[in-house]
Amino acid sequence: MRYGGSLRGPVAVIITIVMILFAVADIKGFSMVLEIFYGLSPLYSVLIVGAAVALYVNLGGFSAVVFTDRIQFIMLSLFVGVMAFITTGVATDTGAIPNFTAMMGEVPSDWYNPFAIGLPMVLIFTLSIVPGWISEQDPWQKVWAARDDASARTGMFIGAGLVTLVFAGCTVIALALNTIYPEISAAGFPAGMAKAEPALLLFIKEIGLSPLGLALCAVGLATAAMSCADTFATSGASCISRDLFQRYIRPNGDEKEVMRINRLSVLFIIGAATAGSYFIQNIIEAIHIATFIASASYFFPLMGGLFWRRATHAGAMAGLITGASVQITLVLIDLIKTPPMAPGYLESISPLLSGHGVIMGMLISGIVFVTVSFATPPVEKERLNLFFPS
């Protein structure tokens, strides 16, 4: 509505790439669960989680995603709460509640200082990761599923509060595991990251749970992976079927054709994510790469379209394509040239190039967006009136 329909094609391609990368993180995470708990090979592990998500998303569509997310969140919350209690109890060698304060005091003081990671990384997190998450499609799916505006608004705040509780539980687990496995933090970054991601799984395996207890833990962890992977699959599939197939390939096609392409697109995204899980080494890496591409691609065109009258279609298109191209190139250079378990290649050139050079990617995208917008005719007033007071 703001720029014209032709922008939907490039946006759809970029969102599809981003959703595949996010799904990589979930498939990678749950395959790690099956490998550590049951000794399954990585191939069988990724096939199990990929097939499960593809099956119920294709059978039930968006309604299945909304319905299962409710159940999955309850199970995930129970798992996090129980694990927070158990890990704290083991870390303090006594009851969980009385010694929690003592456990918090055992970590270095800079653990609570967000600036301890360095100013460049603070800028990367605040300027690239947060905008990428805000402008992604997946959190807004829950809004689209609401019955009315009031439900959407209320649900957004309730959901944010519930997620905060889950993350608070994860923080408690991290504090406890830091006490139980001090060698992980001693290894530093990035070496410690490879040990940190499976730490909770190894802890569960080591405490000697019964087969039923281990299975319940696996289910709790599965809900975290599946509740995100299904959303990423439907987000990307809707872009392929609606914004690419229906708009450019078969504009006169019927709904059955679109539905068929949508189902095939779900399989494609899950399949691509499964393949990608073999090339990206850790969960956090996949999440960061996806978010960096999203932020560098469509953050400035999106925010500019909402808050800047002078933003034009040509500027948005140029900023979008330039940001995506530059960021994907920087990611590939960094992945190819970085040795295993070593700091990033681009980071070794300059701290400002940390995070696969995302600050540079966003900067170039923003400059191109603004420059081309000023160099092209303004958007007609009739279109601007939809977004700004006349």
Protein backbone atom coordinates (compact mmCIF):
# COMPACT_ATOMS: atom_id res chain seq x y z
CA MET A 1 0.00 0.00 0.00
CA ARG A 2 2.83 2.40 0.75
CA TYR A 3 5.20 1.67 -2.13
CA GLY A 4 3.20 -0.34 -4.66
CA GLY A 5 2.76 -4.06 -5.24
CA SER A 6 6.02 -4.69 -7.10
CA LEU A 7 7.97 -4.55 -3.84
CA ARG A 8 6.26 -7.71 -2.58
CA GLY A 9 8.33 -9.99 -4.82
CA PRO A 10 11.79 -9.09 -3.46
CA VAL A 11 10.44 -8.92 0.10
CA ALA A 12 8.94 -12.40 -0.28
CA VAL A 13 12.26 -13.85 -1.47
CA ILE A 14 14.17 -12.29 1.44
CA ILE A 15 11.59 -13.35 4.06
CA THR A 16 11.72 -16.91 2.69
CA ILE A 17 15.52 -16.98 3.07
CA VAL A 18 15.26 -15.60 6.60
CA MET A 19 12.56 -18.11 7.59
CA ILE A 20 14.68 -21.02 6.30
CA LEU A 21 17.60 -19.85 8.43
CA PHE A 22 15.41 -19.52 11.53
CA ALA A 23 14.09 -23.03 10.93
CA VAL A 24 17.72 -24.21 10.75
CA ALA A 25 18.18 -23.14 14.37
CA ASP A 26 15.14 -25.14 15.54
CA ILE A 27 16.00 -28.26 13.56
CA LYS A 28 19.61 -28.03 14.74
CA GLY A 29 18.47 -27.67 18.34
CA PHE A 30 16.08 -30.59 18.43
CA SER A 31 18.38 -32.87 16.46
CA MET A 32 20.94 -32.18 19.21
CA VAL A 33 18.37 -33.37 21.78
CA LEU A 34 17.83 -36.67 19.98
CA GLU A 35 21.55 -37.19 19.41
CA ILE A 36 22.47 -36.69 23.08
CA PHE A 37 19.44 -38.37 24.69
CA TYR A 38 19.08 -41.37 22.36
CA GLY A 39 22.29 -41.54 20.34
CA LEU A 40 20.56 -40.99 17.00
CA SER A 41 22.63 -39.88 14.03
CA PRO A 42 22.27 -36.23 12.92
CA LEU A 43 20.54 -37.38 9.71
CA TYR A 44 17.78 -39.31 11.51
CA SER A 45 17.40 -36.53 14.07
CA VAL A 46 16.78 -33.77 11.53
CA LEU A 47 14.48 -36.01 9.49
CA ILE A 48 12.32 -36.76 12.54
CA VAL A 49 11.77 -33.14 13.56
CA GLY A 50 11.45 -31.96 9.95
CA ALA A 51 8.89 -34.63 9.09
CA ALA A 52 6.84 -33.99 12.25
CA VAL A 53 6.54 -30.25 11.58
CA ALA A 54 5.86 -30.69 7.86
CA LEU A 55 3.15 -33.26 8.60
CA TYR A 56 0.95 -31.30 10.98
CA VAL A 57 1.45 -27.96 9.22
CA ASN A 58 0.41 -29.49 5.90
CA LEU A 59 -2.55 -31.31 7.45
CA GLY A 60 -3.87 -28.42 9.52
CA GLY A 61 -2.36 -25.26 8.03
CA PHE A 62 -2.29 -22.03 9.98
CA SER A 63 -5.03 -23.21 12.35
CA ALA A 64 -2.86 -26.16 13.37
CA VAL A 65 0.05 -23.81 14.08
CA VAL A 66 -2.07 -21.60 16.35
CA PHE A 67 -3.64 -24.58 18.13
CA THR A 68 -0.42 -26.51 18.71
CA ASP A 69 1.45 -23.38 19.84
CA ARG A 70 -0.84 -23.16 22.88
CA ILE A 71 -0.07 -26.73 23.95
CA GLN A 72 3.61 -26.38 23.15
CA PHE A 73 3.98 -23.22 25.19
CA ILE A 74 2.40 -24.83 28.26
CA MET A 75 4.72 -27.84 27.99
CA LEU A 76 7.76 -25.66 27.39
CA SER A 77 6.93 -23.48 30.42
CA LEU A 78 6.58 -26.55 32.65
CA PHE A 79 9.88 -27.94 31.41
CA VAL A 80 11.75 -24.65 32.00
CA GLY A 81 10.26 -24.28 35.49
CA VAL A 82 11.19 -27.81 36.52
CA MET A 83 14.69 -27.54 35.07
CA ALA A 84 15.27 -24.20 36.79
CA PHE A 85 14.40 -25.82 40.13
CA ILE A 86 16.48 -28.97 39.55
CA THR A 87 19.60 -27.22 38.20
CA THR A 88 19.52 -24.69 41.04
CA GLY A 89 19.23 -27.49 43.58
CA VAL A 90 22.22 -29.33 42.13
CA ALA A 91 24.26 -26.13 41.81
CA THR A 92 23.74 -25.25 45.48
CA ASP A 93 23.91 -28.84 46.80
CA THR A 94 20.84 -28.18 48.97
CA GLY A 95 17.34 -26.80 48.56
CA ALA A 96 16.80 -24.58 45.55
CA ILE A 97 15.15 -21.56 47.14
CA PRO A 98 17.36 -20.72 50.17
CA ASN A 99 20.65 -20.61 48.24
CA PHE A 100 19.54 -18.96 45.01
CA THR A 101 20.98 -15.58 46.05
CA ALA A 102 24.33 -17.19 46.84
CA MET A 103 24.40 -18.82 43.41
CA MET A 104 23.76 -15.48 41.71
CA GLY A 105 26.69 -13.98 43.57
CA GLU A 106 29.11 -16.61 42.28
CA VAL A 107 29.18 -15.32 38.71
CA PRO A 108 31.55 -12.47 37.77
CA SER A 109 30.13 -8.99 38.24
CA ASP A 110 30.33 -8.23 34.51
CA TRP A 111 27.89 -11.13 33.87
CA TYR A 112 25.10 -8.64 34.66
CA ASN A 113 26.70 -5.81 32.70
CA PRO A 114 25.43 -5.67 29.10
CA PHE A 115 28.37 -3.47 28.10
CA ALA A 116 30.86 -6.19 29.12
CA ILE A 117 30.58 -7.64 25.60
CA GLY A 118 31.97 -4.39 24.18
CA LEU A 119 30.30 -1.36 22.63
CA PRO A 120 30.38 -2.73 19.02
CA MET A 121 28.43 -5.82 20.10
CA VAL A 122 25.97 -3.68 22.08
CA LEU A 123 25.34 -1.64 18.93
CA ILE A 124 24.92 -4.81 16.89
CA PHE A 125 22.36 -6.24 19.30
CA THR A 126 20.32 -3.06 19.70
CA LEU A 127 20.54 -1.74 16.12
CA SER A 128 20.32 -4.97 14.16
CA ILE A 129 18.88 -7.87 16.16
CA VAL A 130 15.96 -6.04 17.80
CA PRO A 131 14.75 -4.34 14.57
CA GLY A 132 15.06 -7.64 12.74
CA TRP A 133 12.82 -9.39 15.24
CA ILE A 134 10.28 -6.56 15.30
CA SER A 135 9.95 -6.44 11.53
CA GLU A 136 9.78 -10.19 10.98
CA GLN A 137 6.59 -11.84 9.90
CA ASP A 138 6.39 -14.59 12.52
CA PRO A 139 5.36 -12.61 15.66
CA TRP A 140 2.62 -10.90 13.69
CA GLN A 141 1.04 -14.21 12.73
CA LYS A 142 -0.36 -14.39 16.25
CA VAL A 143 -1.94 -10.97 15.72
CA TRP A 144 -3.53 -12.09 12.44
CA ALA A 145 -4.98 -15.11 14.21
CA ALA A 146 -6.79 -12.95 16.80
CA ARG A 147 -10.59 -12.67 16.73
CA ASP A 148 -10.59 -8.87 16.85
CA ASP A 149 -8.41 -5.82 17.54
CA ALA A 150 -8.90 -6.01 21.30
CA SER A 151 -7.86 -9.67 21.40
CA ALA A 152 -4.82 -8.93 19.26
CA ARG A 153 -3.72 -6.06 21.50
CA THR A 154 -4.33 -7.95 24.74
CA GLY A 155 -2.76 -11.14 23.43
CA MET A 156 0.38 -9.31 22.33
CA PHE A 157 0.98 -7.99 25.86
CA ILE A 158 0.06 -11.28 27.57
CA GLY A 159 2.33 -13.17 25.19
CA ALA A 160 5.21 -10.80 25.88
CA GLY A 161 4.73 -11.30 29.61
CA LEU A 162 4.61 -15.10 29.34
CA VAL A 163 7.71 -15.18 27.16
CA THR A 164 9.50 -13.00 29.71
CA LEU A 165 8.75 -15.60 32.41
CA VAL A 166 10.17 -18.38 30.23
CA PHE A 167 13.32 -16.40 29.53
CA ALA A 168 13.66 -15.63 33.23
CA GLY A 169 13.58 -19.38 33.87
CA CYS A 170 16.22 -19.89 31.19
CA THR A 171 18.39 -17.28 32.91
CA VAL A 172 18.14 -19.20 36.20
CA ILE A 173 19.12 -22.39 34.37
CA ALA A 174 22.11 -20.59 32.83
CA LEU A 175 23.24 -19.35 36.27
CA ALA A 176 23.01 -22.86 37.70
CA LEU A 177 24.82 -24.49 34.79
CA ASN A 178 27.54 -21.86 35.09
CA THR A 179 28.12 -23.12 38.64
CA ILE A 180 27.92 -26.80 37.68
CA TYR A 181 30.17 -26.49 34.60
CA PRO A 182 32.63 -23.64 35.31
CA GLU A 183 34.93 -24.88 32.54
CA ILE A 184 32.46 -23.65 29.90
CA SER A 185 32.73 -19.96 30.76
CA ALA A 186 36.47 -20.43 31.35
CA ALA A 187 36.81 -21.50 27.70
CA GLY A 188 35.65 -18.05 26.57
CA PHE A 189 34.01 -17.14 23.28
CA PRO A 190 33.62 -18.71 20.75
CA ALA A 191 35.08 -21.96 22.13
CA GLY A 192 32.72 -21.93 25.11
CA MET A 193 29.66 -21.60 22.87
CA ALA A 194 30.14 -25.09 21.45
CA LYS A 195 30.04 -26.44 25.00
CA ALA A 196 27.27 -24.15 26.24
CA GLU A 197 24.55 -25.18 23.78
CA PRO A 198 24.44 -28.88 24.78
CA ALA A 199 25.16 -28.19 28.48
CA LEU A 200 21.56 -28.58 29.68
CA LEU A 201 21.13 -31.75 27.62
CA LEU A 202 24.28 -33.27 29.09
CA PHE A 203 23.12 -32.29 32.58
CA ILE A 204 19.77 -34.06 32.07
CA LYS A 205 21.56 -37.13 30.74
CA GLU A 206 24.01 -37.17 33.67
CA ILE A 207 21.47 -36.96 36.51
CA GLY A 208 20.14 -40.38 35.56
CA LEU A 209 16.46 -39.81 34.87
CA SER A 210 14.20 -42.76 34.15
CA PRO A 211 13.31 -43.46 30.49
CA LEU A 212 9.94 -41.74 31.10
CA GLY A 213 11.59 -38.70 32.67
CA LEU A 214 14.05 -38.45 29.79
CA ALA A 215 11.19 -38.72 27.29
CA LEU A 216 9.25 -35.93 29.05
CA CYS A 217 12.34 -33.71 28.88
CA ALA A 218 12.66 -34.51 25.18
CA VAL A 219 9.02 -33.54 24.67
CA GLY A 220 9.52 -30.26 26.56
CA LEU A 221 12.50 -29.41 24.37
CA ALA A 222 10.67 -30.54 21.22
CA THR A 223 7.93 -27.99 21.87
CA ALA A 224 10.48 -25.17 21.78
CA ALA A 225 11.77 -26.28 18.38
CA MET A 226 8.43 -27.18 16.79
CA SER A 227 6.48 -24.12 17.96
CA CYS A 228 8.95 -21.92 16.10
CA ALA A 229 9.70 -24.14 13.10
CA ASP A 230 6.01 -24.42 12.17
CA THR A 231 5.62 -20.64 12.22
CA PHE A 232 8.71 -20.14 10.07
CA ALA A 233 7.42 -22.74 7.61
CA THR A 234 4.01 -21.07 7.26
CA SER A 235 5.56 -17.59 7.02
CA GLY A 236 7.89 -18.57 4.20
CA ALA A 237 5.28 -20.70 2.46
CA SER A 238 2.76 -17.84 2.42
CA CYS A 239 5.37 -15.63 0.74
CA ILE A 240 6.06 -18.24 -1.94
CA SER A 241 2.43 -19.14 -2.64
CA ARG A 242 0.76 -15.72 -2.32
CA ASP A 243 3.44 -13.13 -3.11
CA LEU A 244 5.36 -15.04 -5.78
CA PHE A 245 3.22 -17.81 -7.31
CA GLN A 246 -0.21 -16.13 -7.18
CA ARG A 247 1.06 -12.66 -8.04
CA TYR A 248 3.61 -13.36 -10.76
CA ILE A 249 3.21 -16.94 -12.04
CA ARG A 250 -0.52 -17.76 -11.89
CA PRO A 251 -2.49 -14.58 -11.15
CA ASN A 252 -5.69 -16.28 -12.35
CA GLY A 253 -5.05 -19.55 -10.52
CA ASP A 254 -7.69 -20.90 -8.17
CA GLU A 255 -7.34 -21.47 -4.43
CA LYS A 256 -6.67 -25.18 -4.87
CA GLU A 257 -3.57 -24.39 -6.90
CA VAL A 258 -2.38 -21.88 -4.32
CA MET A 259 -2.99 -24.39 -1.52
CA ARG A 260 -1.03 -27.06 -3.38
CA ILE A 261 1.92 -24.70 -3.87
CA ASN A 262 1.67 -23.68 -0.23
CA ARG A 263 1.99 -27.29 0.93
CA LEU A 264 4.93 -27.89 -1.39
CA SER A 265 6.51 -24.68 -0.10
CA VAL A 266 6.27 -25.93 3.50
CA LEU A 267 8.13 -29.07 2.44
CA PHE A 268 10.70 -26.98 0.57
CA ILE A 269 11.39 -24.72 3.57
CA ILE A 270 11.69 -27.62 6.00
CA GLY A 271 13.90 -29.50 3.51
CA ALA A 272 16.14 -26.48 2.91
CA ALA A 273 16.42 -25.88 6.65
CA THR A 274 17.30 -29.54 7.20
CA ALA A 275 20.08 -29.28 4.61
CA GLY A 276 21.24 -25.95 6.05
CA SER A 277 21.60 -27.47 9.51
CA TYR A 278 24.64 -29.37 8.21
CA PHE A 279 26.47 -26.18 7.19
CA ILE A 280 25.75 -23.85 10.12
CA GLN A 281 27.53 -25.11 13.20
CA ASN A 282 25.49 -23.79 16.11
CA ILE A 283 22.01 -22.58 17.01
CA ILE A 284 22.89 -18.99 17.91
CA GLU A 285 24.80 -18.62 14.64
CA ALA A 286 21.72 -19.54 12.58
CA ILE A 287 19.51 -17.10 14.52
CA HIS A 288 22.01 -14.26 14.15
CA ILE A 289 22.54 -14.80 10.42
CA ALA A 290 18.78 -14.81 9.80
CA THR A 291 18.19 -11.69 11.87
CA PHE A 292 21.12 -9.80 10.34
CA ILE A 293 19.84 -10.45 6.81
CA ALA A 294 16.34 -9.31 7.84
CA SER A 295 17.59 -6.12 9.48
CA ALA A 296 19.93 -5.16 6.64
CA SER A 297 17.27 -5.88 4.03
CA TYR A 298 13.92 -4.45 4.99
CA PHE A 299 14.26 -2.53 8.24
CA PHE A 300 14.94 0.88 6.68
CA PRO A 301 12.36 0.54 3.86
CA LEU A 302 9.74 -0.58 6.41
CA MET A 303 10.41 2.08 9.03
CA GLY A 304 10.96 4.73 6.38
CA GLY A 305 7.65 3.90 4.76
CA LEU A 306 5.81 4.29 8.06
CA PHE A 307 7.48 7.47 9.34
CA TRP A 308 9.09 9.32 6.39
CA ARG A 309 6.93 10.99 3.76
CA ARG A 310 9.78 11.33 1.26
CA ALA A 311 10.46 7.58 1.09
CA THR A 312 9.77 6.31 -2.45
CA HIS A 313 9.20 2.99 -4.13
CA ALA A 314 12.54 3.18 -5.95
CA GLY A 315 14.36 4.02 -2.71
CA ALA A 316 12.74 1.12 -0.88
CA MET A 317 13.52 -1.31 -3.69
CA ALA A 318 17.14 -0.15 -3.91
CA GLY A 319 17.65 -0.26 -0.14
CA LEU A 320 16.04 -3.68 0.12
CA ILE A 321 18.03 -5.36 -2.65
CA THR A 322 21.31 -3.65 -1.74
CA GLY A 323 20.99 -4.50 1.96
CA ALA A 324 20.17 -8.14 1.25
CA SER A 325 22.97 -8.54 -1.31
CA VAL A 326 25.62 -6.87 0.86
CA GLN A 327 24.64 -8.75 4.04
CA ILE A 328 24.45 -12.17 2.40
CA THR A 329 27.88 -11.52 0.82
CA LEU A 330 29.37 -10.49 4.18
CA VAL A 331 27.94 -13.60 5.87
CA LEU A 332 29.38 -15.90 3.18
CA ILE A 333 32.80 -14.23 3.38
CA ASP A 334 32.81 -14.55 7.17
CA LEU A 335 31.71 -18.19 7.16
CA ILE A 336 34.20 -19.22 4.48
CA LYS A 337 37.22 -17.38 5.88
CA THR A 338 36.72 -18.06 9.61
CA PRO A 339 38.64 -21.11 10.90
CA PRO A 340 36.76 -23.53 13.21
CA MET A 341 36.38 -22.32 16.81
CA ALA A 342 38.05 -18.99 15.98
CA PRO A 343 36.74 -15.40 16.18
CA GLY A 344 35.04 -14.18 13.02
CA TYR A 345 37.23 -13.16 10.07
CA LEU A 346 35.47 -9.81 9.66
CA GLU A 347 35.69 -9.14 13.40
CA SER A 348 39.48 -9.57 13.19
CA ILE A 349 39.57 -6.72 10.65
CA SER A 350 37.53 -4.33 12.83
CA PRO A 351 35.26 -4.66 15.89
CA LEU A 352 32.62 -2.72 13.94
CA LEU A 353 32.44 -5.68 11.54
CA SER A 354 31.43 -8.06 14.33
CA GLY A 355 28.26 -10.02 13.76
CA HIS A 356 29.07 -10.78 10.11
CA GLY A 357 29.41 -7.07 9.37
CA VAL A 358 25.72 -6.36 9.95
CA ILE A 359 26.28 -2.73 10.97
CA MET A 360 27.99 -2.16 7.61
CA GLY A 361 25.16 -3.95 5.79
CA MET A 362 22.49 -1.85 7.51
CA LEU A 363 24.45 1.37 6.98
CA ILE A 364 24.80 0.75 3.24
CA SER A 365 21.12 -0.20 2.95
CA GLY A 366 20.04 2.96 4.79
CA ILE A 367 22.28 5.24 2.71
CA VAL A 368 21.06 3.75 -0.56
CA PHE A 369 17.42 3.95 0.60
CA VAL A 370 17.66 7.64 1.53
CA THR A 371 19.77 8.66 -1.51
CA VAL A 372 17.55 6.99 -4.09
CA SER A 373 14.39 8.29 -2.36
CA PHE A 374 15.65 11.88 -2.66
CA ALA A 375 16.71 11.28 -6.27
CA THR A 376 13.29 10.03 -7.40
CA PRO A 377 9.88 11.77 -7.59
CA PRO A 378 7.84 11.85 -4.36
CA VAL A 379 5.02 9.40 -3.82
CA GLU A 380 1.60 10.69 -4.91
CA LYS A 381 -0.44 12.39 -2.19
CA GLU A 382 -3.34 9.94 -2.47
CA ARG A 383 -1.07 7.10 -1.36
CA LEU A 384 0.58 9.18 1.38
CA ASN A 385 -2.81 10.13 2.81
CA LEU A 386 -3.30 6.51 3.83
CA PHE A 387 -0.36 6.80 6.24
CA PHE A 388 0.01 10.49 7.18
CA PRO A 389 -2.41 13.27 8.12
CA SER A 390 -3.23 15.36 5.05
